Amino acid sequence: MCEQCDSGNLIDHSAGAAKGGLTRRGYLDLMAAGGLAMMGALKPGLSFAQPKDDVVRIGYLPITDATALLVAHGMGFFKDEGLVAEKPTLIRSWSSLVESFAAQKFNLVHFLKPIPVWMRYNNKFPVKIMAWAHTNGSAIVVGKDAGIDSFADLRGKQVAVPYWYSMHNIVLQMAMRVNGVKAVIKEQGQPLAADECNLQVMAPSDMPPALAAKKIDAYIVAEPFNALGELRAGAKTLRFTGDMWKNHPCCVVCMHEADTKERAEWTQKVVNAVVKAQVYASANKKEVAKLLSRDGMEYLPVPQDVVERAMTLYDTGTYAAPPAIKHPDWKNGRIDFNGFPYASATKLIVKAMNETVVSGDTTFLGGLDPDFVAKDLVDDRFIRKALAKFPDWRKDPTVPTGSDPFTREEVIAL
């Protein structure tokens, strides 16, 4: 579906090999293993030279998680802040985006929230979460003939996740445990026990074709690939993740820690532009869908009808069988754009990562203090100032009401 795949010119791999002792072949082998295993090849504390200019360089996957970064570019919000921003670079896989950010190819990216946890505490890489990219915006969809009408029906099935360290994998396994389903990671063709569901990592753009070809029975991922599955691959939505964990984070906006310390004024301008884009996107989802689509500014390689569905279609009538929306009283959207990084959610994710089946060594998680991570990984100084500049952010329906919009309690109802 996505024709813009990773390419050799994204990074000077020969230079990277000289600094980190890893060849391009080594990177490819590690990426082929899936998950964040490739990050283990980055030496703790490894750093690369910072670019000499103040150009904003964005890397993104073709999903609606990147909306704020893409709208900030497309609507000229970086320019409004006096910044020069290159056209965002589409990357196909999370591994490649992580690699490119680590090599200083990009200074502004969106990552699945658990990724910077791994980077900072397993690999000592100085990444900072500056904001949430959005809230909600994901779902689990199933093949129309797969016989899946509940999470209990995932027994004996093959399910794809976008990354081992992802909100998707965490929430999926929460629901599976409650329903007596055991998550396992096995080679294709290996037999499954009666209570097992086999998980595999798959790039988002590969999921709808794999579902249509019955190579997998279900997948959980960000939009617009759930809407694409519904419209083009005969998929049905089992549950929206925003209906399981109220207004959860998915992707987060990340920058290099050095920029936050050495270029604070520049960093503030970048965050201002991102927040302005979130405020705009929250109030103009249909217009944003066109802007992002291949019928607009072509940031996403999918047509407008797919992106618009992914941005706006969220009602109990359409999603009655199976009931993908059980909590209409939560009044959230299919995707929303409150960017404030609530500490309560970070703490929950750090705890949940210890209970989630993933590929690779997870011993680093055992020593992580959720309270420490919430303060050390997240830098909310800049977004607090940006939100004061754009007070309309409080009109987003997911912002807590009351005197303190920066504190909330996490609500999970599987």
Protein backbone atom coordinates (compact mmCIF):
# COMPACT_ATOMS: atom_id res chain seq x y z
CA MET A 1 0.00 0.00 0.00
CA CYS A 2 2.78 2.38 0.91
CA GLU A 3 5.25 2.74 -1.91
CA GLN A 4 7.71 5.01 -0.10
CA CYS A 5 9.81 2.41 1.69
CA ASP A 6 13.02 2.76 3.65
CA SER A 7 15.98 3.45 1.41
CA GLY A 8 19.70 3.42 1.75
CA ASN A 9 20.07 7.17 1.39
CA LEU A 10 18.19 7.93 4.61
CA ILE A 11 21.37 7.52 6.61
CA ASP A 12 25.06 7.42 5.86
CA HIS A 13 25.45 3.85 7.03
CA SER A 14 29.15 3.75 6.36
CA ALA A 15 29.64 6.69 8.72
CA GLY A 16 27.28 5.12 11.25
CA ALA A 17 29.29 1.92 11.10
CA ALA A 18 32.47 3.80 11.80
CA LYS A 19 31.00 5.44 14.87
CA GLY A 20 28.88 2.64 16.25
CA GLY A 21 30.61 -0.46 14.92
CA LEU A 22 27.50 -1.59 13.03
CA THR A 23 27.29 -2.08 9.27
CA ARG A 24 24.26 -1.47 7.10
CA ARG A 25 23.93 -5.23 6.71
CA GLY A 26 23.90 -5.50 10.47
CA TYR A 27 21.14 -2.92 10.74
CA LEU A 28 19.05 -4.77 8.17
CA ASP A 29 19.54 -8.08 9.94
CA LEU A 30 18.49 -6.54 13.22
CA MET A 31 15.45 -4.83 11.73
CA ALA A 32 14.40 -8.11 10.13
CA ALA A 33 14.23 -9.60 13.63
CA GLY A 34 11.40 -7.15 14.41
CA GLY A 35 10.65 -5.01 17.43
CA LEU A 36 13.23 -2.74 19.01
CA ALA A 37 15.99 -5.33 19.02
CA MET A 38 17.99 -3.15 16.68
CA MET A 39 18.25 -0.47 19.34
CA GLY A 40 20.35 -2.83 21.41
CA ALA A 41 23.10 -2.38 18.83
CA LEU A 42 23.38 1.31 19.69
CA LYS A 43 26.07 1.68 22.30
CA PRO A 44 24.88 3.23 25.58
CA GLY A 45 25.42 6.96 25.45
CA LEU A 46 26.18 6.92 21.73
CA SER A 47 25.73 10.38 20.20
CA PHE A 48 26.03 11.91 16.78
CA ALA A 49 26.95 15.42 15.71
CA GLN A 50 24.12 17.91 15.80
CA PRO A 51 23.27 19.69 12.54
CA LYS A 52 24.65 23.23 12.41
CA ASP A 53 21.42 24.89 11.29
CA ASP A 54 17.97 25.40 12.81
CA VAL A 55 15.96 23.68 10.08
CA VAL A 56 13.11 21.51 11.38
CA ARG A 57 13.55 18.00 9.99
CA ILE A 58 10.58 15.70 10.47
CA GLY A 59 10.42 11.95 10.07
CA TYR A 60 7.07 10.16 10.20
CA LEU A 61 5.16 6.98 9.45
CA PRO A 62 2.12 7.32 7.14
CA ILE A 63 -0.44 7.19 9.95
CA THR A 64 -2.71 9.75 11.55
CA ASP A 65 -0.46 9.74 14.62
CA ALA A 66 1.72 12.14 12.62
CA THR A 67 -1.14 14.60 12.07
CA ALA A 68 0.16 17.41 14.28
CA LEU A 69 3.60 17.39 12.67
CA LEU A 70 2.19 17.23 9.15
CA VAL A 71 -0.45 19.91 9.71
CA ALA A 72 2.15 22.20 11.27
CA HIS A 73 4.13 21.86 8.06
CA GLY A 74 1.22 21.93 5.62
CA MET A 75 -0.53 24.90 7.21
CA GLY A 76 2.66 26.92 7.57
CA PHE A 77 2.64 26.97 11.37
CA PHE A 78 6.40 26.45 11.59
CA LYS A 79 6.81 29.43 9.27
CA ASP A 80 4.51 31.45 11.53
CA GLU A 81 7.02 30.84 14.33
CA GLY A 82 9.89 32.04 12.15
CA LEU A 83 11.18 28.52 11.47
CA VAL A 84 12.28 26.81 8.28
CA ALA A 85 10.93 23.27 7.98
CA GLU A 86 11.89 20.74 5.34
CA LYS A 87 9.16 18.66 3.75
CA PRO A 88 8.51 15.77 6.17
CA THR A 89 10.13 12.47 5.19
CA LEU A 90 7.88 9.41 5.03
CA ILE A 91 9.41 6.32 6.65
CA ARG A 92 7.82 2.91 6.35
CA SER A 93 8.93 1.14 9.54
CA TRP A 94 9.38 2.07 13.18
CA SER A 95 12.85 0.54 13.24
CA SER A 96 13.99 2.82 10.44
CA LEU A 97 12.49 5.89 12.08
CA VAL A 98 14.26 5.05 15.35
CA GLU A 99 17.52 4.55 13.50
CA SER A 100 17.17 7.78 11.55
CA PHE A 101 16.39 9.81 14.66
CA ALA A 102 19.33 8.28 16.51
CA ALA A 103 21.60 9.21 13.61
CA GLN A 104 20.37 12.84 13.71
CA LYS A 105 18.62 12.57 10.36
CA PHE A 106 15.56 14.07 12.07
CA ASN A 107 15.12 16.44 15.01
CA LEU A 108 11.34 16.09 15.30
CA VAL A 109 9.51 12.76 15.16
CA HIS A 110 6.56 10.84 16.54
CA PHE A 111 7.21 7.54 18.31
CA LEU A 112 4.94 4.94 19.83
CA LYS A 113 5.06 5.93 23.48
CA PRO A 114 6.97 2.89 24.80
CA ILE A 115 9.77 3.39 22.24
CA PRO A 116 11.45 6.35 24.01
CA VAL A 117 11.22 4.39 27.27
CA TRP A 118 13.34 1.69 25.66
CA MET A 119 15.70 4.17 24.03
CA ARG A 120 16.40 6.23 27.14
CA TYR A 121 16.63 3.53 29.78
CA ASN A 122 17.85 0.46 27.92
CA ASN A 123 20.22 2.25 25.55
CA LYS A 124 20.89 5.50 27.40
CA PHE A 125 19.90 7.47 24.29
CA PRO A 126 19.01 11.09 25.17
CA VAL A 127 15.48 11.31 23.81
CA LYS A 128 12.76 13.47 25.33
CA ILE A 129 8.98 13.31 25.06
CA MET A 130 7.75 16.86 24.44
CA ALA A 131 4.02 16.25 23.94
CA TRP A 132 1.53 13.62 22.99
CA ALA A 133 0.97 13.52 19.26
CA HIS A 134 -2.73 12.72 19.74
CA THR A 135 -5.11 10.57 21.78
CA ASN A 136 -7.14 7.50 20.77
CA GLY A 137 -6.89 6.85 17.01
CA SER A 138 -6.40 3.06 16.96
CA ALA A 139 -8.48 -0.10 16.83
CA ILE A 140 -8.34 -3.85 16.48
CA VAL A 141 -9.92 -5.10 13.28
CA VAL A 142 -10.64 -8.70 12.30
CA GLY A 143 -11.24 -10.61 9.11
CA LYS A 144 -14.91 -10.90 8.19
CA ASP A 145 -14.68 -14.70 7.98
CA ALA A 146 -12.29 -15.20 10.90
CA GLY A 147 -15.06 -16.00 13.39
CA ILE A 148 -13.96 -13.31 15.84
CA ASP A 149 -16.68 -11.44 17.70
CA SER A 150 -14.91 -11.01 21.04
CA PHE A 151 -11.42 -11.04 22.46
CA ALA A 152 -12.03 -14.58 23.70
CA ASP A 153 -12.32 -15.62 20.06
CA LEU A 154 -8.64 -14.72 19.51
CA ARG A 155 -7.68 -18.17 20.80
CA GLY A 156 -5.83 -20.03 18.07
CA LYS A 157 -5.56 -16.91 15.88
CA GLN A 158 -2.73 -14.98 14.24
CA VAL A 159 -2.69 -11.29 15.16
CA ALA A 160 -0.36 -8.53 13.94
CA VAL A 161 0.87 -5.62 16.05
CA PRO A 162 2.88 -2.65 14.73
CA TYR A 163 5.71 -3.03 17.25
CA TRP A 164 6.43 -5.04 20.37
CA TYR A 165 6.89 -1.84 22.35
CA SER A 166 3.62 -0.16 21.47
CA MET A 167 0.45 0.93 23.20
CA HIS A 168 -1.30 -1.44 20.79
CA ASN A 169 0.49 -4.50 22.09
CA ILE A 170 -0.02 -3.40 25.71
CA VAL A 171 -3.78 -2.79 25.41
CA LEU A 172 -4.38 -5.87 23.25
CA GLN A 173 -2.72 -8.10 25.82
CA MET A 174 -4.65 -6.45 28.65
CA ALA A 175 -7.89 -7.47 26.94
CA MET A 176 -6.59 -10.93 26.10
CA ARG A 177 -5.62 -11.66 29.71
CA VAL A 178 -9.04 -10.63 30.98
CA ASN A 179 -10.59 -13.05 28.48
CA GLY A 180 -8.31 -15.98 29.25
CA VAL A 181 -6.23 -15.75 26.09
CA LYS A 182 -2.46 -16.27 26.35
CA ALA A 183 -0.20 -14.15 24.14
CA VAL A 184 2.67 -16.08 22.54
CA ILE A 185 5.31 -15.39 19.91
CA LYS A 186 5.86 -18.40 17.69
CA GLU A 187 7.09 -19.05 14.18
CA GLN A 188 4.40 -19.31 11.52
CA GLY A 189 3.18 -22.90 11.32
CA GLN A 190 4.01 -23.82 14.89
CA PRO A 191 1.00 -25.33 16.67
CA LEU A 192 -0.86 -23.24 19.23
CA ALA A 193 -2.35 -24.45 22.48
CA ALA A 194 -6.08 -24.08 22.90
CA ASP A 195 -5.76 -20.83 24.86
CA GLU A 196 -2.94 -19.24 22.81
CA CYS A 197 -2.96 -16.34 20.35
CA ASN A 198 0.15 -15.85 18.23
CA LEU A 199 1.46 -12.31 17.79
CA GLN A 200 3.76 -10.95 15.12
CA VAL A 201 5.16 -7.54 14.23
CA MET A 202 4.04 -6.13 10.90
CA ALA A 203 4.38 -2.71 9.26
CA PRO A 204 1.03 -0.87 9.32
CA SER A 205 0.80 -0.65 5.54
CA ASP A 206 1.22 -4.43 5.24
CA MET A 207 -1.65 -5.26 7.57
CA PRO A 208 -4.74 -4.76 5.34
CA PRO A 209 -3.29 -6.83 2.46
CA ALA A 210 -2.26 -9.57 4.89
CA LEU A 211 -5.75 -9.64 6.39
CA ALA A 212 -7.38 -9.77 2.96
CA ALA A 213 -5.09 -12.66 1.99
CA LYS A 214 -5.92 -14.43 5.29
CA LYS A 215 -2.27 -14.53 6.33
CA ILE A 216 -3.42 -13.04 9.62
CA ASP A 217 -6.80 -13.12 11.37
CA ALA A 218 -6.67 -9.69 12.95
CA TYR A 219 -4.49 -6.67 13.54
CA ILE A 220 -4.29 -3.72 15.89
CA VAL A 221 -2.82 -0.48 14.59
CA ALA A 222 -3.23 3.26 14.19
CA GLU A 223 -5.46 4.89 11.61
CA PRO A 224 -5.95 5.13 8.69
CA PHE A 225 -5.15 1.43 8.35
CA ASN A 226 -8.21 0.32 10.30
CA ALA A 227 -10.46 2.41 8.06
CA LEU A 228 -8.54 1.09 5.07
CA GLY A 229 -9.14 -2.47 6.25
CA GLU A 230 -12.85 -1.76 6.61
CA LEU A 231 -13.19 -0.20 3.16
CA ARG A 232 -10.73 -2.25 1.12
CA ALA A 233 -10.04 -5.55 2.92
CA GLY A 234 -13.43 -6.62 4.22
CA ALA A 235 -12.41 -6.05 7.84
CA LYS A 236 -14.71 -5.35 10.75
CA THR A 237 -13.76 -3.38 13.83
CA LEU A 238 -13.77 -5.44 17.02
CA ARG A 239 -13.03 -2.56 19.38
CA PHE A 240 -11.66 0.96 19.32
CA THR A 241 -8.75 1.31 21.73
CA GLY A 242 -10.02 4.71 22.86
CA ASP A 243 -13.10 2.86 24.12
CA MET A 244 -10.87 0.52 26.16
CA TRP A 245 -8.51 3.10 27.65
CA LYS A 246 -10.17 6.49 27.76
CA ASN A 247 -8.26 9.11 25.78
CA HIS A 248 -5.05 7.12 25.84
CA PRO A 249 -1.79 8.32 24.30
CA CYS A 250 -0.45 6.40 21.35
CA CYS A 251 2.33 8.29 19.60
CA VAL A 252 4.29 11.02 21.31
CA VAL A 253 6.25 13.96 19.91
CA CYS A 254 9.96 13.43 20.55
CA MET A 255 13.06 15.58 20.24
CA HIS A 256 16.74 15.30 21.15
CA GLU A 257 17.50 16.28 24.72
CA ALA A 258 20.43 18.41 23.54
CA ASP A 259 18.03 20.63 21.60
CA THR A 260 15.88 21.24 24.67
CA LYS A 261 18.97 22.36 26.59
CA GLU A 262 21.06 24.14 23.95
CA ARG A 263 18.31 25.55 21.70
CA ALA A 264 15.51 26.30 24.12
CA GLU A 265 14.08 29.22 22.11
CA TRP A 266 14.09 27.12 18.93
CA THR A 267 12.51 24.21 20.79
CA GLN A 268 9.75 26.45 22.13
CA LYS A 269 8.91 27.62 18.63
CA VAL A 270 8.75 24.03 17.38
CA VAL A 271 6.39 23.03 20.18
CA ASN A 272 4.27 26.15 19.60
CA ALA A 273 3.75 25.12 15.99
CA VAL A 274 2.83 21.56 16.97
CA VAL A 275 0.29 22.73 19.55
CA LYS A 276 -1.24 25.18 17.08
CA ALA A 277 -1.62 22.28 14.64
CA GLN A 278 -3.31 20.15 17.31
CA VAL A 279 -5.78 22.91 18.13
CA TYR A 280 -6.56 23.27 14.43
CA ALA A 281 -6.88 19.53 13.86
CA SER A 282 -9.23 19.10 16.82
CA ALA A 283 -11.66 21.64 15.36
CA ASN A 284 -11.25 20.75 11.66
CA LYS A 285 -10.96 16.97 11.33
CA LYS A 286 -12.64 16.73 7.93
CA GLU A 287 -10.45 19.46 6.43
CA VAL A 288 -7.35 17.89 7.96
CA ALA A 289 -8.29 14.52 6.48
CA LYS A 290 -8.23 16.02 3.00
CA LEU A 291 -4.97 17.86 3.65
CA LEU A 292 -3.23 14.66 4.75
CA SER A 293 -4.59 12.41 2.01
CA ARG A 294 -3.26 11.76 -1.47
CA ASP A 295 -6.10 13.98 -2.69
CA GLY A 296 -4.63 16.86 -0.70
CA MET A 297 -0.96 17.41 0.15
CA GLU A 298 -0.15 13.70 -0.19
CA TYR A 299 1.43 13.16 3.22
CA LEU A 300 -0.44 9.84 3.50
CA PRO A 301 -0.59 7.47 0.50
CA VAL A 302 -4.33 6.83 0.89
CA PRO A 303 -7.39 8.61 -0.56
CA GLN A 304 -9.47 11.21 1.21
CA ASP A 305 -12.45 8.94 1.92
CA VAL A 306 -10.27 6.57 3.92
CA VAL A 307 -8.60 9.30 6.00
CA GLU A 308 -11.92 11.08 6.58
CA ARG A 309 -13.46 7.86 7.87
CA ALA A 310 -10.44 7.40 10.13
CA MET A 311 -10.83 10.92 11.48
CA THR A 312 -14.60 11.23 11.87
CA LEU A 313 -16.64 7.99 11.76
CA TYR A 314 -17.35 7.00 15.35
CA ASP A 315 -20.93 6.09 16.23
CA THR A 316 -22.62 3.19 17.98
CA GLY A 317 -25.00 2.53 15.09
CA THR A 318 -22.25 1.82 12.58
CA TYR A 319 -20.25 -0.18 15.09
CA ALA A 320 -23.02 -2.18 16.78
CA ALA A 321 -22.00 -5.71 15.73
CA PRO A 322 -19.60 -6.41 17.27
CA PRO A 323 -19.99 -3.51 19.73
CA ALA A 324 -16.78 -1.61 19.06
CA ILE A 325 -17.97 1.36 21.17
CA LYS A 326 -19.20 0.39 24.62
CA HIS A 327 -18.67 3.76 26.29
CA PRO A 328 -20.34 6.50 24.23
CA ASP A 329 -20.67 8.45 27.47
CA TRP A 330 -16.90 9.05 27.33
CA LYS A 331 -17.61 11.48 24.47
CA ASN A 332 -14.23 11.02 22.82
CA GLY A 333 -13.67 10.86 19.10
CA ARG A 334 -12.15 8.22 16.87
CA ILE A 335 -9.02 10.34 17.12
CA ASP A 336 -8.42 13.43 19.24
CA PHE A 337 -5.60 15.92 19.64
CA ASN A 338 -5.01 16.94 23.24
CA GLY A 339 -1.23 17.01 23.37
CA PHE A 340 -0.53 17.45 27.07
CA PRO A 341 1.59 14.49 28.34
CA TYR A 342 -0.23 13.40 31.49
CA ALA A 343 2.12 11.81 34.01
CA SER A 344 -0.53 9.29 35.09
CA ALA A 345 -0.50 7.68 31.64
CA THR A 346 3.29 7.47 31.53
CA LYS A 347 3.31 5.71 34.89
CA LEU A 348 0.63 3.27 33.74
CA ILE A 349 2.56 2.41 30.58
CA VAL A 350 5.81 1.76 32.46
CA LYS A 351 3.98 -0.62 34.80
CA ALA A 352 2.12 -2.32 31.95
CA MET A 353 5.30 -2.89 29.94
CA ASN A 354 6.41 -5.35 32.64
CA GLU A 355 3.29 -7.44 32.02
CA THR A 356 3.42 -7.43 28.21
CA VAL A 357 4.86 -10.29 26.16
CA VAL A 358 7.48 -9.01 23.73
CA SER A 359 10.44 -10.38 21.81
CA GLY A 360 13.88 -9.68 23.25
CA ASP A 361 15.44 -8.89 26.61
CA THR A 362 13.24 -6.86 28.95
CA THR A 363 15.37 -6.97 32.11
CA PHE A 364 15.85 -3.19 32.03
CA LEU A 365 12.17 -2.74 32.86
CA GLY A 366 12.53 -4.37 36.27
CA GLY A 367 14.48 -1.45 37.71
CA LEU A 368 12.34 1.35 36.30
CA ASP A 369 10.47 3.56 38.76
CA PRO A 370 7.30 4.85 37.03
CA ASP A 371 7.38 8.10 39.01
CA PHE A 372 10.97 8.75 38.01
CA VAL A 373 10.29 7.98 34.34
CA ALA A 374 7.32 10.35 34.27
CA LYS A 375 9.58 13.19 35.41
CA ASP A 376 12.80 12.26 33.61
CA LEU A 377 11.56 11.14 30.18
CA VAL A 378 8.94 13.86 29.69
CA ASP A 379 9.76 17.56 29.40
CA ASP A 380 6.48 19.44 29.67
CA ARG A 381 7.94 22.93 30.15
CA PHE A 382 7.56 23.87 26.52
CA ILE A 383 4.07 22.54 25.94
CA ARG A 384 2.77 24.31 29.05
CA LYS A 385 3.94 27.61 27.56
CA ALA A 386 2.52 26.72 24.15
CA LEU A 387 -0.87 25.82 25.59
CA ALA A 388 -0.99 29.18 27.35
CA LYS A 389 -0.41 30.78 23.95
CA PHE A 390 -3.24 28.78 22.35
CA PRO A 391 -5.97 28.53 25.03
CA ASP A 392 -8.46 27.02 22.56
CA TRP A 393 -6.82 23.67 23.31
CA ARG A 394 -9.19 23.37 26.26
CA LYS A 395 -12.07 23.05 23.80
CA ASP A 396 -10.82 19.58 22.86
CA PRO A 397 -13.37 17.21 24.41
CA THR A 398 -10.64 15.07 25.96
CA VAL A 399 -9.17 17.84 28.12
CA PRO A 400 -10.11 17.33 31.80
CA THR A 401 -12.64 19.81 33.09
CA GLY A 402 -12.12 21.66 36.33
CA SER A 403 -9.43 23.93 37.68
CA ASP A 404 -6.46 21.70 36.77
CA PRO A 405 -6.40 20.55 33.13
CA PHE A 406 -2.91 19.08 33.61
CA THR A 407 -3.91 16.25 35.94
CA ARG A 408 -6.17 13.31 35.29
CA GLU A 409 -6.97 9.75 36.37
CA GLU A 410 -6.57 6.92 33.88
CA VAL A 411 -9.76 4.99 33.03
CA ILE A 412 -9.53 1.48 31.58
CA ALA A 413 -12.62 -0.60 30.83
CA LEU A 414 -11.81 -3.65 28.76
